[in-house]
Protein backbone atom coordinates (compact mmCIF):
# COMPACT_ATOMS: atom_id res chain seq x y z
CA MET A 1 3.17 7.76 4.13
CA PHE A 2 4.12 4.61 2.44
CA ARG A 3 4.41 1.31 3.90
CA LYS A 4 4.02 -2.35 3.58
CA GLY A 5 2.40 -3.84 0.76
CA PRO A 6 -0.85 -5.18 -0.24
CA SER A 7 -2.64 -6.84 2.45
CA ASN A 8 -6.14 -7.78 3.11
CA THR A 9 -7.89 -8.26 -0.12
CA THR A 10 -6.49 -10.66 -2.61
CA GLU A 11 -5.57 -7.87 -4.98
CA GLN A 12 -4.70 -8.69 -8.47
CA GLN A 13 -1.13 -9.87 -8.74
CA PRO A 14 1.12 -7.63 -10.78
CA ARG A 15 1.47 -8.91 -14.33
CA PRO A 16 4.86 -10.26 -15.38
CA ARG A 17 7.11 -7.54 -16.67
CA THR A 18 7.44 -7.34 -20.42
CA ALA A 19 8.82 -4.54 -22.50
CA ARG A 20 5.94 -4.71 -24.89
CA THR A 21 2.83 -3.58 -23.16
CA ARG A 22 1.82 -0.50 -21.31
CA GLN A 23 -0.05 -2.78 -18.93
CA SER A 24 3.18 -4.34 -17.75
CA ALA A 25 4.69 -0.92 -17.12
CA THR A 26 1.64 0.02 -15.13
CA ALA A 27 1.87 -3.24 -13.18
CA LEU A 28 5.45 -2.48 -12.23
CA THR A 29 4.61 1.05 -11.22
CA LEU A 30 1.74 -0.09 -9.07
CA SER A 31 3.67 -2.96 -7.56
CA VAL A 32 6.17 -0.37 -6.40
CA ALA A 33 3.33 1.61 -5.00
CA VAL A 34 2.47 -1.50 -3.07
CA ALA A 35 5.93 -1.50 -1.61
CA VAL A 36 5.67 2.14 -0.80
CA ALA A 37 2.40 1.59 0.91
CA GLY A 38 3.94 -1.30 2.60
CA VAL A 39 4.96 -4.52 0.86
CA LEU A 40 3.77 -8.08 1.23
CA ALA A 41 0.24 -9.30 0.98
CA SER A 42 -1.61 -10.28 4.08
CA THR A 43 -5.15 -10.85 5.20
CA VAL A 44 -7.35 -8.79 7.47
CA PRO A 45 -10.07 -10.33 9.63
CA ALA A 46 -13.56 -9.80 8.27
CA ALA A 47 -14.52 -7.67 11.25
CA HIS A 48 -11.57 -5.41 10.59
CA ALA A 49 -12.30 -5.21 6.89
CA ALA A 50 -15.83 -4.13 7.67
CA GLN A 51 -14.44 -1.11 9.49
CA GLN A 52 -12.64 0.23 6.46
CA SER A 53 -13.88 3.61 5.34
CA GLY A 54 -12.47 3.43 1.82
CA ALA A 55 -11.42 6.53 -0.06
CA HIS A 56 -11.71 9.57 2.14
CA HIS A 57 -12.53 12.96 0.67
CA GLY A 58 -13.85 14.89 3.62
CA GLY A 59 -10.56 16.37 4.78
CA ARG A 60 -11.89 16.36 8.35
CA HIS A 61 -8.88 14.69 9.92
CA GLN A 62 -5.85 16.83 10.60
CA CYS A 63 -2.80 17.17 12.83
CA ARG A 64 -2.31 20.67 14.19
CA GLY A 65 -4.30 22.10 11.31
CA GLU A 66 -2.59 20.12 8.53
CA GLY A 67 -3.77 17.07 6.64
CA VAL A 68 -3.19 15.09 3.48
CA ASP A 69 -3.06 16.69 0.03
CA PRO A 70 -6.61 17.91 -0.78
CA ALA A 71 -5.87 17.99 -4.51
CA ALA A 72 -4.38 14.49 -4.81
CA ARG A 73 -6.19 12.08 -7.10
CA ILE A 74 -5.02 9.01 -5.18
CA ARG A 75 -6.20 8.82 -1.59
CA PHE A 76 -7.44 6.29 0.95
CA ALA A 77 -8.43 6.26 4.63
CA THR A 78 -9.09 3.51 7.14
CA ASP A 79 -9.84 3.16 10.86
CA THR A 80 -9.61 0.52 13.54
CA MET A 81 -9.96 -0.03 17.28
CA ILE A 82 -6.86 -1.20 19.17
CA LYS A 83 -7.25 -2.69 22.62
CA ALA A 84 -4.14 -1.16 24.14
CA PRO A 85 -3.15 1.98 26.06
CA LEU A 86 -2.89 5.15 24.00
CA SER A 87 0.75 5.61 25.03
CA THR A 88 1.64 2.13 23.73
CA VAL A 89 0.01 2.66 20.35
CA PHE A 90 1.46 6.12 19.86
CA LYS A 91 4.98 5.06 20.86
CA LEU A 92 4.94 2.10 18.48
CA GLN A 93 3.95 4.28 15.56
CA THR A 94 6.31 7.16 16.28
CA ASP A 95 9.38 5.17 17.35
CA VAL A 96 10.34 4.94 13.69
CA GLU A 97 13.76 3.43 14.33
CA ARG A 98 12.05 0.30 15.65
CA TRP A 99 9.64 -0.15 12.75
CA PRO A 100 11.67 -3.11 11.40
CA THR A 101 10.97 -5.04 14.61
CA TRP A 102 7.24 -5.26 13.89
CA GLN A 103 7.08 -4.48 10.16
CA PRO A 104 9.28 -7.06 8.37
CA PRO A 105 9.01 -5.29 4.99
CA VAL A 106 10.86 -2.29 6.43
CA LEU A 107 14.39 -3.38 5.56
CA THR A 108 16.36 -0.45 6.92
CA MET A 109 15.54 2.67 8.89
CA LYS A 110 17.73 5.64 9.75
CA ARG A 111 16.93 8.86 11.57
CA LEU A 112 18.56 11.80 9.82
CA ASP A 113 18.61 14.05 12.89
CA PRO A 114 19.07 13.56 16.65
CA GLY A 115 16.62 13.87 19.50
CA PRO A 116 12.96 12.95 19.86
CA LEU A 117 10.78 12.76 16.78
CA ARG A 118 9.23 16.18 16.21
CA LYS A 119 8.12 18.58 13.49
CA GLY A 120 10.92 18.81 10.95
CA SER A 121 12.46 15.43 11.85
CA ARG A 122 13.55 13.35 8.86
CA PHE A 123 14.05 9.62 8.45
CA ARG A 124 15.10 7.43 5.53
CA TRP A 125 13.92 3.88 5.08
CA THR A 126 13.94 1.15 2.46
CA THR A 127 11.64 -1.63 1.37
CA PRO A 128 11.69 -4.07 -1.55
CA ALA A 129 9.56 -3.35 -4.59
CA PRO A 130 7.78 -6.49 -5.79
CA PRO A 131 7.76 -8.23 -8.20
CA THR A 132 11.42 -7.26 -8.59
CA PRO A 133 12.89 -8.00 -5.14
CA THR A 134 16.30 -6.76 -6.24
CA THR A 135 14.84 -3.27 -6.60
CA THR A 136 14.90 -1.28 -3.37
CA LEU A 137 12.57 1.61 -2.83
CA ASN A 138 14.19 4.49 -0.92
CA ILE A 139 11.78 6.65 1.05
CA THR A 140 12.74 9.91 2.73
CA SER A 141 10.06 11.16 5.12
CA THR A 142 9.82 14.53 6.84
CA VAL A 143 7.54 15.04 9.83
CA ARG A 144 5.23 17.95 9.09
CA GLN A 145 3.29 17.90 12.35
CA LEU A 146 3.27 15.88 15.56
CA GLN A 147 1.26 16.13 18.74
CA ARG A 148 1.99 13.65 21.49
CA ASP A 149 -0.60 10.90 21.92
CA THR A 150 -2.76 12.64 19.32
CA CYS A 151 -1.42 12.67 15.77
CA ILE A 152 1.49 12.61 13.34
CA LEU A 153 1.76 13.76 9.73
CA TRP A 154 4.74 13.07 7.48
CA ALA A 155 5.48 13.41 3.77
CA GLY A 156 8.12 12.75 1.15
CA PRO A 157 9.08 10.98 -2.08
CA ALA A 158 9.72 7.30 -2.74
CA ILE A 159 12.29 6.49 -5.41
CA GLY A 160 13.53 3.22 -6.84
CA ASP A 161 15.17 1.95 -10.01
CA GLY A 162 12.87 3.33 -12.71
CA VAL A 163 9.96 4.00 -10.38
CA ARG A 164 8.86 7.01 -8.40
CA ILE A 165 6.11 8.41 -6.21
CA ASP A 166 6.71 12.15 -6.24
CA GLN A 167 4.99 12.88 -2.95
CA GLY A 168 3.18 10.79 -0.40
CA VAL A 169 1.48 12.51 2.54
CA HIS A 170 0.51 10.26 5.45
CA LEU A 171 -1.62 11.18 8.46
CA TRP A 172 -2.30 9.20 11.64
CA THR A 173 -4.64 10.26 14.46
CA PHE A 174 -5.13 8.52 17.82
CA THR A 175 -8.15 8.96 20.09
CA ARG A 176 -8.63 7.32 23.48
CA VAL A 177 -11.99 5.56 23.67
CA SER A 178 -13.61 3.06 26.00
CA GLY A 179 -11.57 -0.12 25.86
CA GLY A 180 -8.63 1.22 23.91
CA VAL A 181 -7.70 3.57 21.08
CA HIS A 182 -9.47 4.55 17.88
CA VAL A 183 -6.81 4.90 15.17
CA HIS A 184 -7.41 6.69 11.89
CA THR A 185 -4.96 6.85 9.02
CA GLU A 186 -5.14 8.33 5.54
CA GLU A 187 -2.66 8.93 2.76
CA THR A 188 -2.44 10.66 -0.59
CA TRP A 189 -0.06 10.03 -3.50
CA THR A 190 0.93 12.25 -6.40
CA GLY A 191 3.14 11.53 -9.39
CA ASP A 192 2.79 10.69 -13.06
CA GLN A 193 3.48 6.98 -12.66
CA VAL A 194 0.91 6.25 -9.99
CA GLU A 195 -1.61 8.59 -11.58
CA ALA A 196 -1.48 6.57 -14.80
CA ASP A 197 -4.06 4.22 -13.23
CA VAL A 198 -5.79 5.98 -10.36
CA PRO A 199 -8.35 3.25 -9.46
CA THR A 200 -5.72 0.52 -9.25
CA ALA A 201 -3.26 2.73 -7.38
CA THR A 202 -6.01 3.63 -4.91
CA ARG A 203 -6.82 -0.04 -4.29
CA ILE A 204 -3.16 -0.82 -3.73
CA LEU A 205 -2.74 2.14 -1.41
CA GLY A 206 -5.76 0.94 0.55
CA ASP A 207 -4.34 -2.54 0.91
CA GLY A 208 -1.07 -1.13 2.19
CA LEU A 209 -2.74 1.08 4.77
CA LYS A 210 -4.93 -1.74 6.02
CA ALA A 211 -1.90 -4.02 6.32
CA TRP A 212 -0.01 -1.38 8.30
CA MET A 213 -2.99 -0.84 10.55
CA ARG A 214 -3.28 -4.59 11.09
CA ASP A 215 0.37 -4.90 12.07
CA LEU A 216 0.11 -1.93 14.43
CA LYS A 217 -2.92 -3.50 16.09
CA ILE A 218 -1.23 -6.88 16.46
CA ALA A 219 1.96 -5.39 17.88
CA ALA A 220 0.22 -3.05 20.32
CA GLU A 221 -2.20 -5.67 21.61
CA ALA A 222 0.57 -8.25 21.94
CA ARG A 223 2.61 -5.87 24.06
CA THR A 224 -0.39 -4.98 26.16
CA HIS A 225 -1.38 -8.56 26.85
CA GLY A 226 2.14 -9.86 27.34
CA HIS A 227 2.39 -12.04 24.27
CA HIS A 228 5.37 -10.29 22.75
């Protein structure tokens, strides 16, 4: 679920925090959502942006029969093509302990159980919550399903100082195609704070997912072509 922040589009910048307006409270909430989805703005090539599928309501993508929350009001999905071996892409995404090496906004990462990542595995990670960099968002994720070289689904809450996403459910699927791998990801959020402004939260979630996808693509292709 969550990950690095806004990316791609030049989303509205969170308004300065004030104690006087509901808008500022919403801005803080959604800026945290940005962190949860990923943190840090970045840009996506036009060709990549054109591939985005936007909000996804079909529920067609699953991992071993499970998918994102069908009742969630905040949801987004996106796809891309990565020119790298399937094993490389899947290992990058599921070797969670090494996320900080290719996702700078992931500040810390800790597996909470031994052995290979599998159904039931848990990991705890942190990321800053802009625009208050002293606030750290703590995310505890539990793997709900995993199938090697095919898919992974995890879920859990994200909690910071005064901010909270009650439950994020994040799905990734990987399909070998001619020339590389087709990667699909989608995520849903639930919680009173993020649901206070569903359209804005959805845009922020989308930016985070596209940023994560972009970083995965860059890292996998760099490894494949020997530039990393």
